[in-house]
PDB file of N, CA and C in Angstrom:
ATOM      1  N   MET A   1      21.538 101.650 -20.532  1.00  0.00           N
ATOM      2  CA  MET A   1      20.930 102.948 -20.829  1.00  0.00           C
ATOM      3  C   MET A   1      19.363 102.870 -20.504  1.00  0.00           C
ATOM      4  N   LEU A   2      18.934 103.769 -19.730  1.00  0.00           N
ATOM      5  CA  LEU A   2      17.475 103.815 -19.374  1.00  0.00           C
ATOM      6  C   LEU A   2      16.668 104.439 -20.547  1.00  0.00           C
ATOM      7  N   PRO A   3      15.453 103.913 -20.718  1.00  0.00           N
ATOM      8  CA  PRO A   3      14.625 104.511 -21.727  1.00  0.00           C
ATOM      9  C   PRO A   3      14.208 105.926 -21.444  1.00  0.00           C
ATOM     10  N   ARG A   4      14.056 106.744 -22.405  1.00  0.00           N
ATOM     11  CA  ARG A   4      13.692 108.120 -22.197  1.00  0.00           C
ATOM     12  C   ARG A   4      12.224 108.179 -21.732  1.00  0.00           C
ATOM     13  N   ARG A   5      11.977 109.060 -20.777  1.00  0.00           N
ATOM     14  CA  ARG A   5      10.623 109.233 -20.285  1.00  0.00           C
ATOM     15  C   ARG A   5       9.834 110.014 -21.266  1.00  0.00           C
ATOM     16  N   ALA A   6       8.652 109.447 -21.551  1.00  0.00           N
ATOM     17  CA  ALA A   6       7.792 110.168 -22.531  1.00  0.00           C
ATOM     18  C   ALA A   6       7.235 111.432 -21.881  1.00  0.00           C
ATOM     19  N   THR A   7       7.242 112.521 -22.562  1.00  0.00           N
ATOM     20  CA  THR A   7       6.636 113.752 -22.078  1.00  0.00           C
ATOM     21  C   THR A   7       5.762 114.297 -23.183  1.00  0.00           C
ATOM     22  N   SER A   8       4.893 115.240 -22.776  1.00  0.00           N
ATOM     23  CA  SER A   8       3.965 115.781 -23.775  1.00  0.00           C
ATOM     24  C   SER A   8       4.428 117.177 -24.128  1.00  0.00           C
ATOM     25  N   LYS A   9       5.699 117.246 -24.507  1.00  0.00           N
ATOM     26  CA  LYS A   9       6.233 118.476 -24.961  1.00  0.00           C
ATOM     27  C   LYS A   9       6.208 118.617 -26.473  1.00  0.00           C
ATOM     28  N   GLU A  10       5.328 117.881 -27.119  1.00  0.00           N
ATOM     29  CA  GLU A  10       5.217 117.979 -28.574  1.00  0.00           C
ATOM     30  C   GLU A  10       4.637 119.310 -28.898  1.00  0.00           C
ATOM     31  N   PRO A  11       5.159 119.936 -30.000  1.00  0.00           N
ATOM     32  CA  PRO A  11       4.599 121.241 -30.413  1.00  0.00           C
ATOM     33  C   PRO A  11       3.187 121.066 -30.953  1.00  0.00           C
ATOM     34  N   PRO A  12       2.355 122.093 -30.793  1.00  0.00           N
ATOM     35  CA  PRO A  12       1.060 121.918 -31.320  1.00  0.00           C
ATOM     36  C   PRO A  12       1.023 121.868 -32.845  1.00  0.00           C
ATOM     37  N   ALA A  13       0.082 121.116 -33.405  1.00  0.00           N
ATOM     38  CA  ALA A  13      -0.042 121.031 -34.842  1.00  0.00           C
ATOM     39  C   ALA A  13      -0.443 122.419 -35.403  1.00  0.00           C
ATOM     40  N   ASP A  14      -0.166 122.577 -36.680  1.00  0.00           N
ATOM     41  CA  ASP A  14      -0.405 123.874 -37.317  1.00  0.00           C
ATOM     42  C   ASP A  14      -1.845 124.380 -37.163  1.00  0.00           C
ATOM     43  N   ASP A  15      -2.804 123.452 -37.127  1.00  0.00           N
ATOM     44  CA  ASP A  15      -4.154 123.905 -37.023  1.00  0.00           C
ATOM     45  C   ASP A  15      -4.669 124.157 -35.594  1.00  0.00           C
ATOM     46  N   ARG A  16      -3.796 123.948 -34.651  1.00  0.00           N
ATOM     47  CA  ARG A  16      -4.148 124.204 -33.202  1.00  0.00           C
ATOM     48  C   ARG A  16      -3.648 125.578 -32.742  1.00  0.00           C
ATOM     49  N   LEU A  17      -4.525 126.271 -32.048  1.00  0.00           N
ATOM     50  CA  LEU A  17      -4.165 127.598 -31.532  1.00  0.00           C
ATOM     51  C   LEU A  17      -4.063 127.434 -30.012  1.00  0.00           C
ATOM     52  N   THR A  18      -3.002 128.075 -29.458  1.00  0.00           N
ATOM     53  CA  THR A  18      -2.847 128.003 -28.002  1.00  0.00           C
ATOM     54  C   THR A  18      -3.071 129.414 -27.408  1.00  0.00           C
ATOM     55  N   LEU A  19      -3.228 129.424 -26.081  1.00  0.00           N
ATOM     56  CA  LEU A  19      -3.439 130.634 -25.396  1.00  0.00           C
ATOM     57  C   LEU A  19      -2.314 131.582 -25.583  1.00  0.00           C
ATOM     58  N   ALA A  20      -1.097 131.146 -25.663  1.00  0.00           N
ATOM     59  CA  ALA A  20       0.092 131.946 -25.976  1.00  0.00           C
ATOM     60  C   ALA A  20       0.026 132.691 -27.304  1.00  0.00           C
ATOM     61  N   GLU A  21      -0.753 132.130 -28.228  1.00  0.00           N
ATOM     62  CA  GLU A  21      -0.856 132.713 -29.613  1.00  0.00           C
ATOM     63  C   GLU A  21      -2.124 133.533 -29.860  1.00  0.00           C
ATOM     64  N   ALA A  22      -2.974 133.574 -28.867  1.00  0.00           N
ATOM     65  CA  ALA A  22      -4.284 134.264 -29.034  1.00  0.00           C
ATOM     66  C   ALA A  22      -4.095 135.774 -29.272  1.00  0.00           C
ATOM     67  N   GLU A  23      -5.142 136.339 -29.836  1.00  0.00           N
ATOM     68  CA  GLU A  23      -5.095 137.815 -30.059  1.00  0.00           C
ATOM     69  C   GLU A  23      -5.621 138.532 -28.790  1.00  0.00           C
ATOM     70  N   ARG A  24      -5.073 139.701 -28.516  1.00  0.00           N
ATOM     71  CA  ARG A  24      -5.470 140.502 -27.405  1.00  0.00           C
ATOM     72  C   ARG A  24      -6.980 140.838 -27.499  1.00  0.00           C
ATOM     73  N   HIS A  25      -7.604 140.762 -26.410  1.00  0.00           N
ATOM     74  CA  HIS A  25      -9.062 141.055 -26.308  1.00  0.00           C
ATOM     75  C   HIS A  25     -10.003 140.162 -26.973  1.00  0.00           C
ATOM     76  N   SER A  26      -9.498 138.930 -27.433  1.00  0.00           N
ATOM     77  CA  SER A  26     -10.337 137.965 -28.098  1.00  0.00           C
ATOM     78  C   SER A  26     -11.105 137.107 -27.073  1.00  0.00           C
ATOM     79  N   ARG A  27     -12.263 136.646 -27.473  1.00  0.00           N
ATOM     80  CA  ARG A  27     -13.059 135.696 -26.612  1.00  0.00           C
ATOM     81  C   ARG A  27     -12.770 134.364 -27.110  1.00  0.00           C
ATOM     82  N   VAL A  28     -12.300 133.458 -26.287  1.00  0.00           N
ATOM     83  CA  VAL A  28     -11.896 132.126 -26.693  1.00  0.00           C
ATOM     84  C   VAL A  28     -12.502 131.064 -25.767  1.00  0.00           C
ATOM     85  N   ARG A  29     -12.557 129.838 -26.302  1.00  0.00           N
ATOM     86  CA  ARG A  29     -13.052 128.696 -25.550  1.00  0.00           C
ATOM     87  C   ARG A  29     -11.921 127.687 -25.497  1.00  0.00           C
ATOM     88  N   VAL A  30     -11.666 127.193 -24.254  1.00  0.00           N
ATOM     89  CA  VAL A  30     -10.611 126.120 -24.070  1.00  0.00           C
ATOM     90  C   VAL A  30     -11.110 124.844 -24.659  1.00  0.00           C
ATOM     91  N   THR A  31     -10.305 124.193 -25.521  1.00  0.00           N
ATOM     92  CA  THR A  31     -10.644 122.959 -26.118  1.00  0.00           C
ATOM     93  C   THR A  31      -9.855 121.713 -25.526  1.00  0.00           C
ATOM     94  N   ARG A  32      -8.685 122.012 -25.064  1.00  0.00           N
ATOM     95  CA  ARG A  32      -7.836 120.965 -24.483  1.00  0.00           C
ATOM     96  C   ARG A  32      -6.738 121.558 -23.620  1.00  0.00           C
ATOM     97  N   VAL A  33      -6.412 120.883 -22.543  1.00  0.00           N
ATOM     98  CA  VAL A  33      -5.278 121.254 -21.723  1.00  0.00           C
ATOM     99  C   VAL A  33      -4.350 120.067 -21.680  1.00  0.00           C
ATOM    100  N   SER A  34      -3.108 120.274 -22.122  1.00  0.00           N
ATOM    101  CA  SER A  34      -2.168 119.158 -22.140  1.00  0.00           C
ATOM    102  C   SER A  34      -0.964 119.486 -21.240  1.00  0.00           C
ATOM    103  N   GLY A  35      -0.113 118.495 -21.024  1.00  0.00           N
ATOM    104  CA  GLY A  35       1.039 118.728 -20.193  1.00  0.00           C
ATOM    105  C   GLY A  35       1.115 117.757 -19.068  1.00  0.00           C
ATOM    106  N   ARG A  36       1.925 118.007 -18.146  1.00  0.00           N
ATOM    107  CA  ARG A  36       2.061 117.111 -16.975  1.00  0.00           C
ATOM    108  C   ARG A  36       0.862 117.163 -16.077  1.00  0.00           C
ATOM    109  N   PRO A  37       0.575 116.054 -15.451  1.00  0.00           N
ATOM    110  CA  PRO A  37      -0.669 116.034 -14.608  1.00  0.00           C
ATOM    111  C   PRO A  37      -0.720 117.182 -13.607  1.00  0.00           C
ATOM    112  N   ARG A  38       0.411 117.550 -12.978  1.00  0.00           N
ATOM    113  CA  ARG A  38       0.376 118.621 -11.988  1.00  0.00           C
ATOM    114  C   ARG A  38      -0.009 119.944 -12.590  1.00  0.00           C
ATOM    115  N   LEU A  39       0.462 120.228 -13.766  1.00  0.00           N
ATOM    116  CA  LEU A  39       0.034 121.446 -14.511  1.00  0.00           C
ATOM    117  C   LEU A  39      -1.397 121.461 -14.839  1.00  0.00           C
ATOM    118  N   ILE A  40      -1.888 120.358 -15.339  1.00  0.00           N
ATOM    119  CA  ILE A  40      -3.352 120.169 -15.680  1.00  0.00           C
ATOM    120  C   ILE A  40      -4.223 120.388 -14.417  1.00  0.00           C
ATOM    121  N   GLN A  41      -3.774 119.821 -13.286  1.00  0.00           N
ATOM    122  CA  GLN A  41      -4.525 119.966 -12.045  1.00  0.00           C
ATOM    123  C   GLN A  41      -4.495 121.438 -11.584  1.00  0.00           C
ATOM    124  N   ARG A  42      -3.347 122.121 -11.692  1.00  0.00           N
ATOM    125  CA  ARG A  42      -3.209 123.510 -11.282  1.00  0.00           C
ATOM    126  C   ARG A  42      -4.098 124.388 -12.130  1.00  0.00           C
ATOM    127  N   LEU A  43      -4.107 124.197 -13.415  1.00  0.00           N
ATOM    128  CA  LEU A  43      -5.000 124.986 -14.330  1.00  0.00           C
ATOM    129  C   LEU A  43      -6.479 124.698 -14.052  1.00  0.00           C
ATOM    130  N   ALA A  44      -6.780 123.455 -13.744  1.00  0.00           N
ATOM    131  CA  ALA A  44      -8.150 123.092 -13.368  1.00  0.00           C
ATOM    132  C   ALA A  44      -8.611 123.759 -12.078  1.00  0.00           C
ATOM    133  N   ALA A  45      -7.703 123.883 -11.143  1.00  0.00           N
ATOM    134  CA  ALA A  45      -8.005 124.566  -9.879  1.00  0.00           C
ATOM    135  C   ALA A  45      -8.309 126.061 -10.083  1.00  0.00           C
ATOM    136  N   LEU A  46      -7.665 126.625 -11.133  1.00  0.00           N
ATOM    137  CA  LEU A  46      -7.936 127.996 -11.527  1.00  0.00           C
ATOM    138  C   LEU A  46      -9.193 128.155 -12.369  1.00  0.00           C
ATOM    139  N   GLY A  47      -9.748 127.027 -12.825  1.00  0.00           N
ATOM    140  CA  GLY A  47     -10.919 127.087 -13.633  1.00  0.00           C
ATOM    141  C   GLY A  47     -10.643 126.938 -15.146  1.00  0.00           C
ATOM    142  N   VAL A  48      -9.432 126.782 -15.512  1.00  0.00           N
ATOM    143  CA  VAL A  48      -9.052 126.635 -16.932  1.00  0.00           C
ATOM    144  C   VAL A  48      -9.167 125.170 -17.317  1.00  0.00           C
ATOM    145  N   VAL A  49     -10.352 124.806 -17.793  1.00  0.00           N
ATOM    146  CA  VAL A  49     -10.714 123.449 -18.212  1.00  0.00           C
ATOM    147  C   VAL A  49     -11.368 123.507 -19.548  1.00  0.00           C
ATOM    148  N   PRO A  50     -11.380 122.370 -20.285  1.00  0.00           N
ATOM    149  CA  PRO A  50     -12.026 122.370 -21.564  1.00  0.00           C
ATOM    150  C   PRO A  50     -13.506 122.777 -21.473  1.00  0.00           C
ATOM    151  N   GLY A  51     -13.917 123.634 -22.412  1.00  0.00           N
ATOM    152  CA  GLY A  51     -15.262 124.124 -22.401  1.00  0.00           C
ATOM    153  C   GLY A  51     -15.505 125.519 -21.859  1.00  0.00           C
ATOM    154  N   VAL A  52     -14.510 125.991 -21.020  1.00  0.00           N
ATOM    155  CA  VAL A  52     -14.723 127.271 -20.400  1.00  0.00           C
ATOM    156  C   VAL A  52     -14.361 128.388 -21.363  1.00  0.00           C
ATOM    157  N   SER A  53     -15.073 129.548 -21.319  1.00  0.00           N
ATOM    158  CA  SER A  53     -14.802 130.675 -22.143  1.00  0.00           C
ATOM    159  C   SER A  53     -13.916 131.672 -21.388  1.00  0.00           C
ATOM    160  N   LEU A  54     -12.984 132.245 -22.051  1.00  0.00           N
ATOM    161  CA  LEU A  54     -12.077 133.199 -21.465  1.00  0.00           C
ATOM    162  C   LEU A  54     -11.992 134.439 -22.366  1.00  0.00           C
ATOM    163  N   THR A  55     -11.577 135.509 -21.822  1.00  0.00           N
ATOM    164  CA  THR A  55     -11.291 136.730 -22.578  1.00  0.00           C
ATOM    165  C   THR A  55      -9.816 136.971 -22.376  1.00  0.00           C
ATOM    166  N   VAL A  56      -9.074 137.055 -23.521  1.00  0.00           N
ATOM    167  CA  VAL A  56      -7.630 137.221 -23.460  1.00  0.00           C
ATOM    168  C   VAL A  56      -7.321 138.722 -23.276  1.00  0.00           C
ATOM    169  N   VAL A  57      -6.802 138.997 -22.052  1.00  0.00           N
ATOM    170  CA  VAL A  57      -6.480 140.390 -21.743  1.00  0.00           C
ATOM    171  C   VAL A  57      -5.089 140.723 -22.325  1.00  0.00           C
ATOM    172  N   ARG A  58      -4.197 139.757 -22.160  1.00  0.00           N
ATOM    173  CA  ARG A  58      -2.835 139.896 -22.739  1.00  0.00           C
ATOM    174  C   ARG A  58      -2.333 138.492 -23.137  1.00  0.00           C
ATOM    175  N   PRO A  59      -2.036 138.326 -24.374  1.00  0.00           N
ATOM    176  CA  PRO A  59      -1.519 137.002 -24.842  1.00  0.00           C
ATOM    177  C   PRO A  59      -0.045 136.828 -24.491  1.00  0.00           C
ATOM    178  N   GLY A  60       0.497 135.727 -24.875  1.00  0.00           N
ATOM    179  CA  GLY A  60       1.940 135.494 -24.665  1.00  0.00           C
ATOM    180  C   GLY A  60       2.264 134.883 -23.313  1.00  0.00           C
ATOM    181  N   GLY A  61       3.319 135.339 -22.736  1.00  0.00           N
ATOM    182  CA  GLY A  61       3.630 134.801 -21.413  1.00  0.00           C
ATOM    183  C   GLY A  61       4.278 135.872 -20.580  1.00  0.00           C
ATOM    184  N   PRO A  62       3.774 136.048 -19.381  1.00  0.00           N
ATOM    185  CA  PRO A  62       2.598 135.410 -18.906  1.00  0.00           C
ATOM    186  C   PRO A  62       1.368 135.924 -19.557  1.00  0.00           C
ATOM    187  N   ALA A  63       0.460 135.006 -19.950  1.00  0.00           N
ATOM    188  CA  ALA A  63      -0.805 135.421 -20.542  1.00  0.00           C
ATOM    189  C   ALA A  63      -1.716 135.874 -19.402  1.00  0.00           C
ATOM    190  N   MET A  64      -2.557 136.828 -19.662  1.00  0.00           N
ATOM    191  CA  MET A  64      -3.503 137.344 -18.706  1.00  0.00           C
ATOM    192  C   MET A  64      -4.889 137.125 -19.309  1.00  0.00           C
ATOM    193  N   VAL A  65      -5.745 136.342 -18.570  1.00  0.00           N
ATOM    194  CA  VAL A  65      -7.067 136.049 -19.008  1.00  0.00           C
ATOM    195  C   VAL A  65      -8.117 136.497 -18.004  1.00  0.00           C
ATOM    196  N   ALA A  66      -9.289 136.793 -18.507  1.00  0.00           N
ATOM    197  CA  ALA A  66     -10.387 137.188 -17.579  1.00  0.00           C
ATOM    198  C   ALA A  66     -11.466 136.128 -17.746  1.00  0.00           C
ATOM    199  N   MET A  67     -11.975 135.685 -16.596  1.00  0.00           N
ATOM    200  CA  MET A  67     -13.101 134.754 -16.619  1.00  0.00           C
ATOM    201  C   MET A  67     -13.944 134.993 -15.405  1.00  0.00           C
ATOM    202  N   GLY A  68     -15.240 135.140 -15.609  1.00  0.00           N
ATOM    203  CA  GLY A  68     -16.069 135.567 -14.471  1.00  0.00           C
ATOM    204  C   GLY A  68     -15.634 136.957 -14.113  1.00  0.00           C
ATOM    205  N   GLY A  69     -15.424 137.184 -12.821  1.00  0.00           N
ATOM    206  CA  GLY A  69     -14.969 138.456 -12.331  1.00  0.00           C
ATOM    207  C   GLY A  69     -13.490 138.464 -11.994  1.00  0.00           C
ATOM    208  N   ALA A  70     -12.763 137.457 -12.386  1.00  0.00           N
ATOM    209  CA  ALA A  70     -11.351 137.353 -12.008  1.00  0.00           C
ATOM    210  C   ALA A  70     -10.417 137.467 -13.231  1.00  0.00           C
ATOM    211  N   ARG A  71      -9.207 137.945 -12.922  1.00  0.00           N
ATOM    212  CA  ARG A  71      -8.148 137.906 -13.960  1.00  0.00           C
ATOM    213  C   ARG A  71      -7.056 136.927 -13.482  1.00  0.00           C
ATOM    214  N   ILE A  72      -6.570 136.118 -14.356  1.00  0.00           N
ATOM    215  CA  ILE A  72      -5.633 135.086 -14.024  1.00  0.00           C
ATOM    216  C   ILE A  72      -4.419 135.218 -14.915  1.00  0.00           C
ATOM    217  N   ALA A  73      -3.184 135.186 -14.320  1.00  0.00           N
ATOM    218  CA  ALA A  73      -1.980 135.202 -15.134  1.00  0.00           C
ATOM    219  C   ALA A  73      -1.522 133.720 -15.280  1.00  0.00           C
ATOM    220  N   ILE A  74      -1.189 133.390 -16.492  1.00  0.00           N
ATOM    221  CA  ILE A  74      -0.735 132.005 -16.802  1.00  0.00           C
ATOM    222  C   ILE A  74       0.598 132.114 -17.537  1.00  0.00           C
ATOM    223  N   GLY A  75       1.576 131.471 -16.920  1.00  0.00           N
ATOM    224  CA  GLY A  75       2.973 131.469 -17.480  1.00  0.00           C
ATOM    225  C   GLY A  75       3.058 131.051 -18.941  1.00  0.00           C
ATOM    226  N   LYS A  76       4.109 131.488 -19.565  1.00  0.00           N
ATOM    227  CA  LYS A  76       4.237 131.202 -20.987  1.00  0.00           C
ATOM    228  C   LYS A  76       4.186 129.709 -21.363  1.00  0.00           C
ATOM    229  N   SER A  77       4.917 128.835 -20.605  1.00  0.00           N
ATOM    230  CA  SER A  77       4.915 127.457 -20.855  1.00  0.00           C
ATOM    231  C   SER A  77       3.504 126.845 -20.656  1.00  0.00           C
ATOM    232  N   ALA A  78       2.787 127.270 -19.605  1.00  0.00           N
ATOM    233  CA  ALA A  78       1.493 126.715 -19.371  1.00  0.00           C
ATOM    234  C   ALA A  78       0.550 127.283 -20.424  1.00  0.00           C
ATOM    235  N   ALA A  79       0.694 128.504 -20.853  1.00  0.00           N
ATOM    236  CA  ALA A  79      -0.189 129.067 -21.920  1.00  0.00           C
ATOM    237  C   ALA A  79      -0.029 128.271 -23.173  1.00  0.00           C
ATOM    238  N   ARG A  80       1.172 127.796 -23.435  1.00  0.00           N
ATOM    239  CA  ARG A  80       1.351 126.961 -24.681  1.00  0.00           C
ATOM    240  C   ARG A  80       0.607 125.619 -24.605  1.00  0.00           C
ATOM    241  N   SER A  81       0.260 125.183 -23.370  1.00  0.00           N
ATOM    242  CA  SER A  81      -0.387 123.906 -23.226  1.00  0.00           C
ATOM    243  C   SER A  81      -1.907 123.956 -23.217  1.00  0.00           C
ATOM    244  N   VAL A  82      -2.452 125.231 -23.287  1.00  0.00           N
ATOM    245  CA  VAL A  82      -3.886 125.410 -23.339  1.00  0.00           C
ATOM    246  C   VAL A  82      -4.322 125.702 -24.767  1.00  0.00           C
ATOM    247  N   GLU A  83      -4.971 124.677 -25.360  1.00  0.00           N
ATOM    248  CA  GLU A  83      -5.451 124.815 -26.712  1.00  0.00           C
ATOM    249  C   GLU A  83      -6.837 125.471 -26.686  1.00  0.00           C
ATOM    250  N   ILE A  84      -7.056 126.358 -27.662  1.00  0.00           N
ATOM    251  CA  ILE A  84      -8.296 127.125 -27.613  1.00  0.00           C
ATOM    252  C   ILE A  84      -8.841 127.211 -29.060  1.00  0.00           C
ATOM    253  N   GLU A  85     -10.098 127.673 -29.138  1.00  0.00           N
ATOM    254  CA  GLU A  85     -10.714 128.040 -30.403  1.00  0.00           C
ATOM    255  C   GLU A  85     -11.345 129.418 -30.120  1.00  0.00           C
ATOM    256  N   VAL A  86     -11.363 130.234 -31.177  1.00  0.00           N
ATOM    257  CA  VAL A  86     -11.945 131.624 -31.022  1.00  0.00           C
ATOM    258  C   VAL A  86     -13.409 131.475 -31.049  1.00  0.00           C
ATOM    259  N   ASP A  87     -14.075 132.091 -30.049  1.00  0.00           N
ATOM    260  CA  ASP A  87     -15.591 132.085 -30.025  1.00  0.00           C
ATOM    261  C   ASP A  87     -16.039 133.040 -31.099  1.00  0.00           C
ATOM    262  N   GLU A  88     -17.003 132.534 -31.881  1.00  0.00           N
ATOM    263  CA  GLU A  88     -17.578 133.404 -32.853  1.00  0.00           C
ATOM    264  C   GLU A  88     -18.503 134.404 -32.304  1.00  0.00           C
ATOM    265  N   PRO A  89     -18.500 135.703 -32.709  1.00  0.00           N
ATOM    266  CA  PRO A  89     -19.441 136.640 -32.226  1.00  0.00           C
ATOM    267  C   PRO A  89     -20.867 136.260 -32.446  1.00  0.00           C
ATOM    268  N   GLY A  90     -21.707 136.367 -31.445  1.00  0.00           N
ATOM    269  CA  GLY A  90     -23.065 136.015 -31.570  1.00  0.00           C
ATOM    270  C   GLY A  90     -23.392 134.560 -31.324  1.00  0.00           C
ATOM    271  N   ALA A  91     -22.361 133.736 -31.077  1.00  0.00           N
ATOM    272  CA  ALA A  91     -22.565 132.308 -30.859  1.00  0.00           C
ATOM    273  C   ALA A  91     -23.229 132.160 -29.441  1.00  0.00           C
ATOM    274  N   SER A  92     -24.178 131.277 -29.369  1.00  0.00           N
ATOM    275  CA  SER A  92     -24.804 131.057 -28.075  1.00  0.00           C
ATOM    276  C   SER A  92     -23.940 130.267 -27.173  1.00  0.00           C
ATOM    277  N   SER A  93     -23.843 130.672 -25.878  1.00  0.00           N
ATOM    278  CA  SER A  93     -22.977 130.001 -24.869  1.00  0.00           C
ATOM    279  C   SER A  93     -23.835 129.252 -23.853  1.00  0.00           C
TER     280      SER A  93
END
């Protein structure tokens, strides 16, 4: 029997918020992107990397986010792999 291949499909801990769970029209900052390397690279190519601020146009899947002058659709599975924190109003960026 071959050993099972380790994957990063672990559910987020209770204190972590993902893009799929964000509130509509909220301003968020990406804290971590997890998943397979190809997914992480694809999201990075779109500009979804730790530290970037996004506005959640539509949560869930596909999630729609705005950053800069662009809107980006991110599938439900990928949205679950993007951990975020809500930006506080008035916080300096």
